[in-house]
Amino acid sequence: MPLDLRVGGALILLFGLLASRVMQLTKNDVIDDGEVTYLDIDSHRLMLPPRLARLVRQSRDQRLALAAELPASFLADLAGSSRALLPSKPAKHAKWSYD
């Protein structure tokens, strides 16, 4: 299972966060003091269990590595999306068929 789905799903299932709130998280919301990893959610620190903390740090570090490889002009075009903790795409309308 992709890392971003594991992290997002765990945050939703373990802490009852809304998916929209999870998608707003940035790399700056991950606080690692060397012993414990927290998420900064609306100015409240949410302590993460060790396994989830490891996944969140791994996701953050992957995003940082990706941002380091991109040219500065491309990053300027991305603006806020390069800071996101989890990758996302614009929502599309689903087409349902009842055949």
PDB file of N, CA and C in Angstrom:
ATOM      1  N   MET A   1       0.857  -1.168   0.000  1.00  0.00           N
ATOM      2  CA  MET A   1       0.000   0.000   0.000  1.00  0.00           C
ATOM      3  C   MET A   1       0.908   1.237   0.000  1.00  0.00           C
ATOM      4  N   PRO A   2       0.583   2.253  -0.805  1.00  0.00           N
ATOM      5  CA  PRO A   2       1.406   3.457  -0.844  1.00  0.00           C
ATOM      6  C   PRO A   2       1.489   4.146   0.527  1.00  0.00           C
ATOM      7  N   LEU A   3       2.641   4.727   0.785  1.00  0.00           N
ATOM      8  CA  LEU A   3       2.913   5.355   2.072  1.00  0.00           C
ATOM      9  C   LEU A   3       1.906   6.449   2.410  1.00  0.00           C
ATOM     10  N   ASP A   4       1.557   7.292   1.436  1.00  0.00           N
ATOM     11  CA  ASP A   4       0.624   8.386   1.720  1.00  0.00           C
ATOM     12  C   ASP A   4      -0.748   7.867   2.139  1.00  0.00           C
ATOM     13  N   LEU A   5      -1.185   6.755   1.562  1.00  0.00           N
ATOM     14  CA  LEU A   5      -2.471   6.160   1.959  1.00  0.00           C
ATOM     15  C   LEU A   5      -2.396   5.566   3.362  1.00  0.00           C
ATOM     16  N   ARG A   6      -1.270   4.958   3.682  1.00  0.00           N
ATOM     17  CA  ARG A   6      -1.104   4.389   5.022  1.00  0.00           C
ATOM     18  C   ARG A   6      -1.143   5.478   6.085  1.00  0.00           C
ATOM     19  N   VAL A   7      -0.406   6.570   5.828  1.00  0.00           N
ATOM     20  CA  VAL A   7      -0.353   7.667   6.793  1.00  0.00           C
ATOM     21  C   VAL A   7      -1.723   8.327   6.931  1.00  0.00           C
ATOM     22  N   GLY A   8      -2.320   8.695   5.817  1.00  0.00           N
ATOM     23  CA  GLY A   8      -3.627   9.355   5.849  1.00  0.00           C
ATOM     24  C   GLY A   8      -4.692   8.489   6.499  1.00  0.00           C
ATOM     25  N   GLY A   9      -4.746   7.223   6.118  1.00  0.00           N
ATOM     26  CA  GLY A   9      -5.730   6.310   6.682  1.00  0.00           C
ATOM     27  C   GLY A   9      -5.541   6.105   8.174  1.00  0.00           C
ATOM     28  N   ALA A  10      -4.292   5.988   8.604  1.00  0.00           N
ATOM     29  CA  ALA A  10      -4.018   5.799  10.037  1.00  0.00           C
ATOM     30  C   ALA A  10      -4.444   7.024  10.843  1.00  0.00           C
ATOM     31  N   LEU A  11      -4.168   8.215  10.326  1.00  0.00           N
ATOM     32  CA  LEU A  11      -4.566   9.431  11.044  1.00  0.00           C
ATOM     33  C   LEU A  11      -6.087   9.543  11.138  1.00  0.00           C
ATOM     34  N   ILE A  12      -6.764   9.141  10.085  1.00  0.00           N
ATOM     35  CA  ILE A  12      -8.232   9.187  10.087  1.00  0.00           C
ATOM     36  C   ILE A  12      -8.803   8.147  11.049  1.00  0.00           C
ATOM     37  N   LEU A  13      -8.284   6.925  10.983  1.00  0.00           N
ATOM     38  CA  LEU A  13      -8.832   5.847  11.810  1.00  0.00           C
ATOM     39  C   LEU A  13      -8.448   5.963  13.284  1.00  0.00           C
ATOM     40  N   LEU A  14      -7.208   6.317  13.568  1.00  0.00           N
ATOM     41  CA  LEU A  14      -6.758   6.365  14.957  1.00  0.00           C
ATOM     42  C   LEU A  14      -7.243   7.594  15.718  1.00  0.00           C
ATOM     43  N   PHE A  15      -7.288   8.739  15.029  1.00  0.00           N
ATOM     44  CA  PHE A  15      -7.586   9.984  15.724  1.00  0.00           C
ATOM     45  C   PHE A  15      -8.890  10.639  15.288  1.00  0.00           C
ATOM     46  N   GLY A  16      -9.579  10.058  14.318  1.00  0.00           N
ATOM     47  CA  GLY A  16     -10.854  10.615  13.887  1.00  0.00           C
ATOM     48  C   GLY A  16     -10.727  11.937  13.144  1.00  0.00           C
ATOM     49  N   LEU A  17      -9.553  12.192  12.563  1.00  0.00           N
ATOM     50  CA  LEU A  17      -9.378  13.419  11.797  1.00  0.00           C
ATOM     51  C   LEU A  17     -10.180  13.345  10.502  1.00  0.00           C
ATOM     52  N   LEU A  18     -10.652  14.467  10.060  1.00  0.00           N
ATOM     53  CA  LEU A  18     -11.341  14.523   8.771  1.00  0.00           C
ATOM     54  C   LEU A  18     -10.309  14.421   7.653  1.00  0.00           C
ATOM     55  N   ALA A  19     -10.696  13.786   6.562  1.00  0.00           N
ATOM     56  CA  ALA A  19      -9.781  13.638   5.426  1.00  0.00           C
ATOM     57  C   ALA A  19      -9.334  15.007   4.917  1.00  0.00           C
ATOM     58  N   SER A  20     -10.240  15.964   4.913  1.00  0.00           N
ATOM     59  CA  SER A  20      -9.877  17.306   4.441  1.00  0.00           C
ATOM     60  C   SER A  20      -8.813  17.929   5.339  1.00  0.00           C
ATOM     61  N   ARG A  21      -8.853  17.666   6.633  1.00  0.00           N
ATOM     62  CA  ARG A  21      -7.849  18.199   7.558  1.00  0.00           C
ATOM     63  C   ARG A  21      -6.509  17.502   7.361  1.00  0.00           C
ATOM     64  N   VAL A  22      -6.551  16.199   7.120  1.00  0.00           N
ATOM     65  CA  VAL A  22      -5.318  15.445   6.876  1.00  0.00           C
ATOM     66  C   VAL A  22      -4.619  15.982   5.629  1.00  0.00           C
ATOM     67  N   MET A  23      -5.377  16.329   4.604  1.00  0.00           N
ATOM     68  CA  MET A  23      -4.787  16.829   3.364  1.00  0.00           C
ATOM     69  C   MET A  23      -4.209  18.238   3.524  1.00  0.00           C
ATOM     70  N   GLN A  24      -4.586  18.942   4.577  1.00  0.00           N
ATOM     71  CA  GLN A  24      -4.043  20.285   4.829  1.00  0.00           C
ATOM     72  C   GLN A  24      -2.737  20.253   5.611  1.00  0.00           C
ATOM     73  N   LEU A  25      -2.355  19.095   6.123  1.00  0.00           N
ATOM     74  CA  LEU A  25      -1.131  19.003   6.910  1.00  0.00           C
ATOM     75  C   LEU A  25       0.091  19.328   6.056  1.00  0.00           C
ATOM     76  N   THR A  26       1.042  20.017   6.649  1.00  0.00           N
ATOM     77  CA  THR A  26       2.278  20.330   5.955  1.00  0.00           C
ATOM     78  C   THR A  26       3.443  19.695   6.692  1.00  0.00           C
ATOM     79  N   LYS A  27       4.607  19.738   6.062  1.00  0.00           N
ATOM     80  CA  LYS A  27       5.802  19.185   6.709  1.00  0.00           C
ATOM     81  C   LYS A  27       6.117  19.927   7.996  1.00  0.00           C
ATOM     82  N   ASN A  28       5.703  21.189   8.092  1.00  0.00           N
ATOM     83  CA  ASN A  28       5.935  21.979   9.304  1.00  0.00           C
ATOM     84  C   ASN A  28       5.041  21.542  10.462  1.00  0.00           C
ATOM     85  N   ASP A  29       4.000  20.768  10.193  1.00  0.00           N
ATOM     86  CA  ASP A  29       3.113  20.272  11.236  1.00  0.00           C
ATOM     87  C   ASP A  29       3.685  19.049  11.947  1.00  0.00           C
ATOM     88  N   VAL A  30       4.763  18.504  11.417  1.00  0.00           N
ATOM     89  CA  VAL A  30       5.422  17.349  12.030  1.00  0.00           C
ATOM     90  C   VAL A  30       6.514  17.869  12.953  1.00  0.00           C
ATOM     91  N   ILE A  31       6.381  17.584  14.246  1.00  0.00           N
ATOM     92  CA  ILE A  31       7.335  18.044  15.250  1.00  0.00           C
ATOM     93  C   ILE A  31       8.007  16.820  15.851  1.00  0.00           C
ATOM     94  N   ASP A  32       9.316  16.741  15.684  1.00  0.00           N
ATOM     95  CA  ASP A  32      10.085  15.594  16.178  1.00  0.00           C
ATOM     96  C   ASP A  32      11.116  16.117  17.164  1.00  0.00           C
ATOM     97  N   ASP A  33      10.925  15.805  18.444  1.00  0.00           N
ATOM     98  CA  ASP A  33      11.849  16.318  19.459  1.00  0.00           C
ATOM     99  C   ASP A  33      12.984  15.343  19.783  1.00  0.00           C
ATOM    100  N   GLY A  34      13.116  14.294  18.985  1.00  0.00           N
ATOM    101  CA  GLY A  34      14.165  13.309  19.216  1.00  0.00           C
ATOM    102  C   GLY A  34      13.689  12.091  19.976  1.00  0.00           C
ATOM    103  N   GLU A  35      12.669  12.254  20.787  1.00  0.00           N
ATOM    104  CA  GLU A  35      12.113  11.128  21.537  1.00  0.00           C
ATOM    105  C   GLU A  35      10.701  10.799  21.078  1.00  0.00           C
ATOM    106  N   VAL A  36       9.907  11.839  20.852  1.00  0.00           N
ATOM    107  CA  VAL A  36       8.500  11.671  20.497  1.00  0.00           C
ATOM    108  C   VAL A  36       8.212  12.532  19.272  1.00  0.00           C
ATOM    109  N   THR A  37       7.314  12.032  18.431  1.00  0.00           N
ATOM    110  CA  THR A  37       6.882  12.797  17.254  1.00  0.00           C
ATOM    111  C   THR A  37       5.447  13.242  17.479  1.00  0.00           C
ATOM    112  N   TYR A  38       5.195  14.508  17.179  1.00  0.00           N
ATOM    113  CA  TYR A  38       3.874  15.107  17.337  1.00  0.00           C
ATOM    114  C   TYR A  38       3.396  15.643  15.999  1.00  0.00           C
ATOM    115  N   LEU A  39       2.084  15.778  15.878  1.00  0.00           N
ATOM    116  CA  LEU A  39       1.485  16.545  14.797  1.00  0.00           C
ATOM    117  C   LEU A  39       0.870  17.779  15.413  1.00  0.00           C
ATOM    118  N   ASP A  40       1.102  18.909  14.805  1.00  0.00           N
ATOM    119  CA  ASP A  40       0.511  20.162  15.265  1.00  0.00           C
ATOM    120  C   ASP A  40      -0.828  20.317  14.549  1.00  0.00           C
ATOM    121  N   ILE A  41      -1.908  20.073  15.275  1.00  0.00           N
ATOM    122  CA  ILE A  41      -3.257  20.157  14.724  1.00  0.00           C
ATOM    123  C   ILE A  41      -3.959  21.328  15.391  1.00  0.00           C
ATOM    124  N   ASP A  42      -4.174  22.394  14.642  1.00  0.00           N
ATOM    125  CA  ASP A  42      -4.861  23.580  15.163  1.00  0.00           C
ATOM    126  C   ASP A  42      -4.275  24.038  16.497  1.00  0.00           C
ATOM    127  N   SER A  43      -2.964  24.169  16.550  1.00  0.00           N
ATOM    128  CA  SER A  43      -2.221  24.630  17.730  1.00  0.00           C
ATOM    129  C   SER A  43      -2.256  23.658  18.909  1.00  0.00           C
ATOM    130  N   HIS A  44      -2.618  22.408  18.656  1.00  0.00           N
ATOM    131  CA  HIS A  44      -2.577  21.363  19.682  1.00  0.00           C
ATOM    132  C   HIS A  44      -1.607  20.288  19.206  1.00  0.00           C
ATOM    133  N   ARG A  45      -0.753  19.838  20.108  1.00  0.00           N
ATOM    134  CA  ARG A  45       0.186  18.780  19.754  1.00  0.00           C
ATOM    135  C   ARG A  45      -0.438  17.416  19.996  1.00  0.00           C
ATOM    136  N   LEU A  46      -0.463  16.624  18.946  1.00  0.00           N
ATOM    137  CA  LEU A  46      -1.025  15.284  18.995  1.00  0.00           C
ATOM    138  C   LEU A  46       0.137  14.296  18.950  1.00  0.00           C
ATOM    139  N   MET A  47       0.371  13.585  20.065  1.00  0.00           N
ATOM    140  CA  MET A  47       1.477  12.641  20.135  1.00  0.00           C
ATOM    141  C   MET A  47       1.142  11.396  19.305  1.00  0.00           C
ATOM    142  N   LEU A  48       2.077  11.010  18.443  1.00  0.00           N
ATOM    143  CA  LEU A  48       1.862   9.862  17.563  1.00  0.00           C
ATOM    144  C   LEU A  48       2.467   8.603  18.165  1.00  0.00           C
ATOM    145  N   PRO A  49       1.787   7.464  18.010  1.00  0.00           N
ATOM    146  CA  PRO A  49       2.381   6.193  18.427  1.00  0.00           C
ATOM    147  C   PRO A  49       3.656   5.941  17.605  1.00  0.00           C
ATOM    148  N   PRO A  50       4.619   5.196  18.156  1.00  0.00           N
ATOM    149  CA  PRO A  50       5.908   5.015  17.485  1.00  0.00           C
ATOM    150  C   PRO A  50       5.838   4.540  16.035  1.00  0.00           C
ATOM    151  N   ARG A  51       5.004   3.565  15.736  1.00  0.00           N
ATOM    152  CA  ARG A  51       4.928   3.059  14.356  1.00  0.00           C
ATOM    153  C   ARG A  51       4.379   4.109  13.402  1.00  0.00           C
ATOM    154  N   LEU A  52       3.342   4.813  13.827  1.00  0.00           N
ATOM    155  CA  LEU A  52       2.780   5.864  12.981  1.00  0.00           C
ATOM    156  C   LEU A  52       3.760   7.025  12.862  1.00  0.00           C
ATOM    157  N   ALA A  53       4.464   7.346  13.938  1.00  0.00           N
ATOM    158  CA  ALA A  53       5.460   8.413  13.899  1.00  0.00           C
ATOM    159  C   ALA A  53       6.533   8.111  12.851  1.00  0.00           C
ATOM    160  N   ARG A  54       6.960   6.861  12.800  1.00  0.00           N
ATOM    161  CA  ARG A  54       7.964   6.457  11.815  1.00  0.00           C
ATOM    162  C   ARG A  54       7.443   6.652  10.387  1.00  0.00           C
ATOM    163  N   LEU A  55       6.183   6.290  10.142  1.00  0.00           N
ATOM    164  CA  LEU A  55       5.586   6.466   8.816  1.00  0.00           C
ATOM    165  C   LEU A  55       5.437   7.948   8.455  1.00  0.00           C
ATOM    166  N   VAL A  56       5.022   8.759   9.423  1.00  0.00           N
ATOM    167  CA  VAL A  56       4.848  10.199   9.181  1.00  0.00           C
ATOM    168  C   VAL A  56       6.195  10.843   8.867  1.00  0.00           C
ATOM    169  N   ARG A  57       7.230  10.501   9.629  1.00  0.00           N
ATOM    170  CA  ARG A  57       8.564  11.053   9.358  1.00  0.00           C
ATOM    171  C   ARG A  57       9.072  10.604   7.990  1.00  0.00           C
ATOM    172  N   GLN A  58       8.802   9.345   7.647  1.00  0.00           N
ATOM    173  CA  GLN A  58       9.222   8.825   6.343  1.00  0.00           C
ATOM    174  C   GLN A  58       8.517   9.585   5.216  1.00  0.00           C
ATOM    175  N   SER A  59       7.232   9.851   5.378  1.00  0.00           N
ATOM    176  CA  SER A  59       6.483  10.610   4.373  1.00  0.00           C
ATOM    177  C   SER A  59       7.043  12.026   4.248  1.00  0.00           C
ATOM    178  N   ARG A  60       7.279  12.672   5.386  1.00  0.00           N
ATOM    179  CA  ARG A  60       7.855  14.028   5.382  1.00  0.00           C
ATOM    180  C   ARG A  60       9.206  14.040   4.687  1.00  0.00           C
ATOM    181  N   ASP A  61      10.061  13.075   5.003  1.00  0.00           N
ATOM    182  CA  ASP A  61      11.404  13.043   4.435  1.00  0.00           C
ATOM    183  C   ASP A  61      11.374  12.776   2.933  1.00  0.00           C
ATOM    184  N   GLN A  62      10.430  11.950   2.476  1.00  0.00           N
ATOM    185  CA  GLN A  62      10.286  11.715   1.031  1.00  0.00           C
ATOM    186  C   GLN A  62       9.891  12.991   0.313  1.00  0.00           C
ATOM    187  N   ARG A  63       8.967  13.751   0.901  1.00  0.00           N
ATOM    188  CA  ARG A  63       8.524  15.012   0.296  1.00  0.00           C
ATOM    189  C   ARG A  63       9.672  16.020   0.272  1.00  0.00           C
ATOM    190  N   LEU A  64      10.477  16.062   1.340  1.00  0.00           N
ATOM    191  CA  LEU A  64      11.625  16.975   1.374  1.00  0.00           C
ATOM    192  C   LEU A  64      12.660  16.602   0.317  1.00  0.00           C
ATOM    193  N   ALA A  65      12.906  15.305   0.143  1.00  0.00           N
ATOM    194  CA  ALA A  65      13.867  14.853  -0.860  1.00  0.00           C
ATOM    195  C   ALA A  65      13.372  15.186  -2.264  1.00  0.00           C
ATOM    196  N   LEU A  66      12.092  15.005  -2.496  1.00  0.00           N
ATOM    197  CA  LEU A  66      11.516  15.326  -3.799  1.00  0.00           C
ATOM    198  C   LEU A  66      11.633  16.817  -4.076  1.00  0.00           C
ATOM    199  N   ALA A  67      11.335  17.639  -3.090  1.00  0.00           N
ATOM    200  CA  ALA A  67      11.416  19.092  -3.264  1.00  0.00           C
ATOM    201  C   ALA A  67      12.850  19.529  -3.537  1.00  0.00           C
ATOM    202  N   ALA A  68      13.821  18.854  -2.945  1.00  0.00           N
ATOM    203  CA  ALA A  68      15.225  19.215  -3.142  1.00  0.00           C
ATOM    204  C   ALA A  68      15.686  18.918  -4.565  1.00  0.00           C
ATOM    205  N   GLU A  69      15.049  17.960  -5.226  1.00  0.00           N
ATOM    206  CA  GLU A  69      15.445  17.567  -6.574  1.00  0.00           C
ATOM    207  C   GLU A  69      14.817  18.438  -7.654  1.00  0.00           C
ATOM    208  N   LEU A  70      13.768  19.174  -7.327  1.00  0.00           N
ATOM    209  CA  LEU A  70      13.068  19.970  -8.333  1.00  0.00           C
ATOM    210  C   LEU A  70      13.739  21.324  -8.531  1.00  0.00           C
ATOM    211  N   PRO A  71      13.696  21.846  -9.768  1.00  0.00           N
ATOM    212  CA  PRO A  71      14.258  23.184  -9.992  1.00  0.00           C
ATOM    213  C   PRO A  71      13.465  24.253  -9.250  1.00  0.00           C
ATOM    214  N   ALA A  72      14.138  25.326  -8.877  1.00  0.00           N
ATOM    215  CA  ALA A  72      13.505  26.401  -8.109  1.00  0.00           C
ATOM    216  C   ALA A  72      12.316  27.007  -8.844  1.00  0.00           C
ATOM    217  N   SER A  73      12.400  27.131 -10.167  1.00  0.00           N
ATOM    218  CA  SER A  73      11.290  27.717 -10.925  1.00  0.00           C
ATOM    219  C   SER A  73      10.045  26.834 -10.842  1.00  0.00           C
ATOM    220  N   PHE A  74      10.247  25.529 -10.826  1.00  0.00           N
ATOM    221  CA  PHE A  74       9.112  24.614 -10.714  1.00  0.00           C
ATOM    222  C   PHE A  74       8.492  24.706  -9.331  1.00  0.00           C
ATOM    223  N   LEU A  75       9.332  24.812  -8.309  1.00  0.00           N
ATOM    224  CA  LEU A  75       8.822  24.926  -6.944  1.00  0.00           C
ATOM    225  C   LEU A  75       8.028  26.210  -6.754  1.00  0.00           C
ATOM    226  N   ALA A  76       8.457  27.280  -7.402  1.00  0.00           N
ATOM    227  CA  ALA A  76       7.726  28.542  -7.304  1.00  0.00           C
ATOM    228  C   ALA A  76       6.325  28.396  -7.883  1.00  0.00           C
ATOM    229  N   ASP A  77       6.189  27.608  -8.952  1.00  0.00           N
ATOM    230  CA  ASP A  77       4.874  27.383  -9.557  1.00  0.00           C
ATOM    231  C   ASP A  77       3.981  26.552  -8.645  1.00  0.00           C
ATOM    232  N   LEU A  78       4.584  25.640  -7.892  1.00  0.00           N
ATOM    233  CA  LEU A  78       3.800  24.779  -7.001  1.00  0.00           C
ATOM    234  C   LEU A  78       3.303  25.519  -5.769  1.00  0.00           C
ATOM    235  N   ALA A  79       4.037  26.539  -5.359  1.00  0.00           N
ATOM    236  CA  ALA A  79       3.719  27.344  -4.168  1.00  0.00           C
ATOM    237  C   ALA A  79       3.484  26.435  -2.969  1.00  0.00           C
ATOM    238  N   GLY A  80       2.260  26.433  -2.415  1.00  0.00           N
ATOM    239  CA  GLY A  80       1.964  25.704  -1.188  1.00  0.00           C
ATOM    240  C   GLY A  80       1.992  24.201  -1.310  1.00  0.00           C
ATOM    241  N   SER A  81       1.795  23.645  -2.490  1.00  0.00           N
ATOM    242  CA  SER A  81       1.696  22.192  -2.598  1.00  0.00           C
ATOM    243  C   SER A  81       3.015  21.499  -2.284  1.00  0.00           C
ATOM    244  N   SER A  82       4.145  22.184  -2.448  1.00  0.00           N
ATOM    245  CA  SER A  82       5.427  21.554  -2.145  1.00  0.00           C
ATOM    246  C   SER A  82       5.620  21.388  -0.640  1.00  0.00           C
ATOM    247  N   ARG A  83       4.846  22.123   0.156  1.00  0.00           N
ATOM    248  CA  ARG A  83       4.951  22.017   1.612  1.00  0.00           C
ATOM    249  C   ARG A  83       4.038  20.926   2.174  1.00  0.00           C
ATOM    250  N   ALA A  84       3.155  20.386   1.360  1.00  0.00           N
ATOM    251  CA  ALA A  84       2.182  19.407   1.838  1.00  0.00           C
ATOM    252  C   ALA A  84       2.873  18.153   2.358  1.00  0.00           C
ATOM    253  N   LEU A  85       2.341  17.600   3.423  1.00  0.00           N
ATOM    254  CA  LEU A  85       2.884  16.368   3.983  1.00  0.00           C
ATOM    255  C   LEU A  85       2.554  15.179   3.088  1.00  0.00           C
ATOM    256  N   LEU A  86       1.340  15.172   2.553  1.00  0.00           N
ATOM    257  CA  LEU A  86       0.891  14.095   1.679  1.00  0.00           C
ATOM    258  C   LEU A  86       0.592  14.653   0.295  1.00  0.00           C
ATOM    259  N   PRO A  87       0.938  13.905  -0.758  1.00  0.00           N
ATOM    260  CA  PRO A  87       0.642  14.396  -2.101  1.00  0.00           C
ATOM    261  C   PRO A  87      -0.856  14.373  -2.357  1.00  0.00           C
ATOM    262  N   SER A  88      -1.318  15.260  -3.218  1.00  0.00           N
ATOM    263  CA  SER A  88      -2.746  15.270  -3.553  1.00  0.00           C
ATOM    264  C   SER A  88      -2.930  15.745  -4.976  1.00  0.00           C
ATOM    265  N   LYS A  89      -4.112  15.489  -5.492  1.00  0.00           N
ATOM    266  CA  LYS A  89      -4.504  15.927  -6.829  1.00  0.00           C
ATOM    267  C   LYS A  89      -5.835  16.638  -6.701  1.00  0.00           C
ATOM    268  N   PRO A  90      -6.139  17.536  -7.639  1.00  0.00           N
ATOM    269  CA  PRO A  90      -7.454  18.187  -7.586  1.00  0.00           C
ATOM    270  C   PRO A  90      -8.579  17.161  -7.656  1.00  0.00           C
ATOM    271  N   ALA A  91      -9.624  17.414  -6.920  1.00  0.00           N
ATOM    272  CA  ALA A  91     -10.767  16.498  -6.916  1.00  0.00           C
ATOM    273  C   ALA A  91     -11.487  16.552  -8.263  1.00  0.00           C
ATOM    274  N   LYS A  92     -11.995  15.432  -8.681  1.00  0.00           N
ATOM    275  CA  LYS A  92     -12.762  15.347  -9.922  1.00  0.00           C
ATOM    276  C   LYS A  92     -14.130  14.772  -9.594  1.00  0.00           C
ATOM    277  N   HIS A  93     -15.096  15.127 -10.389  1.00  0.00           N
ATOM    278  CA  HIS A  93     -16.424  14.587 -10.188  1.00  0.00           C
ATOM    279  C   HIS A  93     -16.476  13.142 -10.677  1.00  0.00           C
ATOM    280  N   ALA A  94     -17.058  12.302  -9.871  1.00  0.00           N
ATOM    281  CA  ALA A  94     -17.184  10.898 -10.236  1.00  0.00           C
ATOM    282  C   ALA A  94     -18.395  10.711 -11.154  1.00  0.00           C
ATOM    283  N   LYS A  95     -18.243   9.854 -12.120  1.00  0.00           N
ATOM    284  CA  LYS A  95     -19.359   9.526 -12.999  1.00  0.00           C
ATOM    285  C   LYS A  95     -19.850   8.145 -12.605  1.00  0.00           C
ATOM    286  N   TRP A  96     -21.078   8.068 -12.183  1.00  0.00           N
ATOM    287  CA  TRP A  96     -21.645   6.815 -11.729  1.00  0.00           C
ATOM    288  C   TRP A  96     -22.568   6.249 -12.790  1.00  0.00           C
ATOM    289  N   SER A  97     -22.544   4.956 -12.919  1.00  0.00           N
ATOM    290  CA  SER A  97     -23.420   4.290 -13.871  1.00  0.00           C
ATOM    291  C   SER A  97     -24.166   3.188 -13.142  1.00  0.00           C
ATOM    292  N   TYR A  98     -25.449   3.085 -13.408  1.00  0.00           N
ATOM    293  CA  TYR A  98     -26.286   2.065 -12.779  1.00  0.00           C
ATOM    294  C   TYR A  98     -26.728   1.011 -13.799  1.00  0.00           C
ATOM    295  N   ASP A  99     -25.787   0.554 -14.568  1.00  0.00           N
ATOM    296  CA  ASP A  99     -26.111  -0.463 -15.598  1.00  0.00           C
ATOM    297  C   ASP A  99     -26.207  -1.836 -15.019  1.00  0.00           C
TER     298      ASP A  99
END
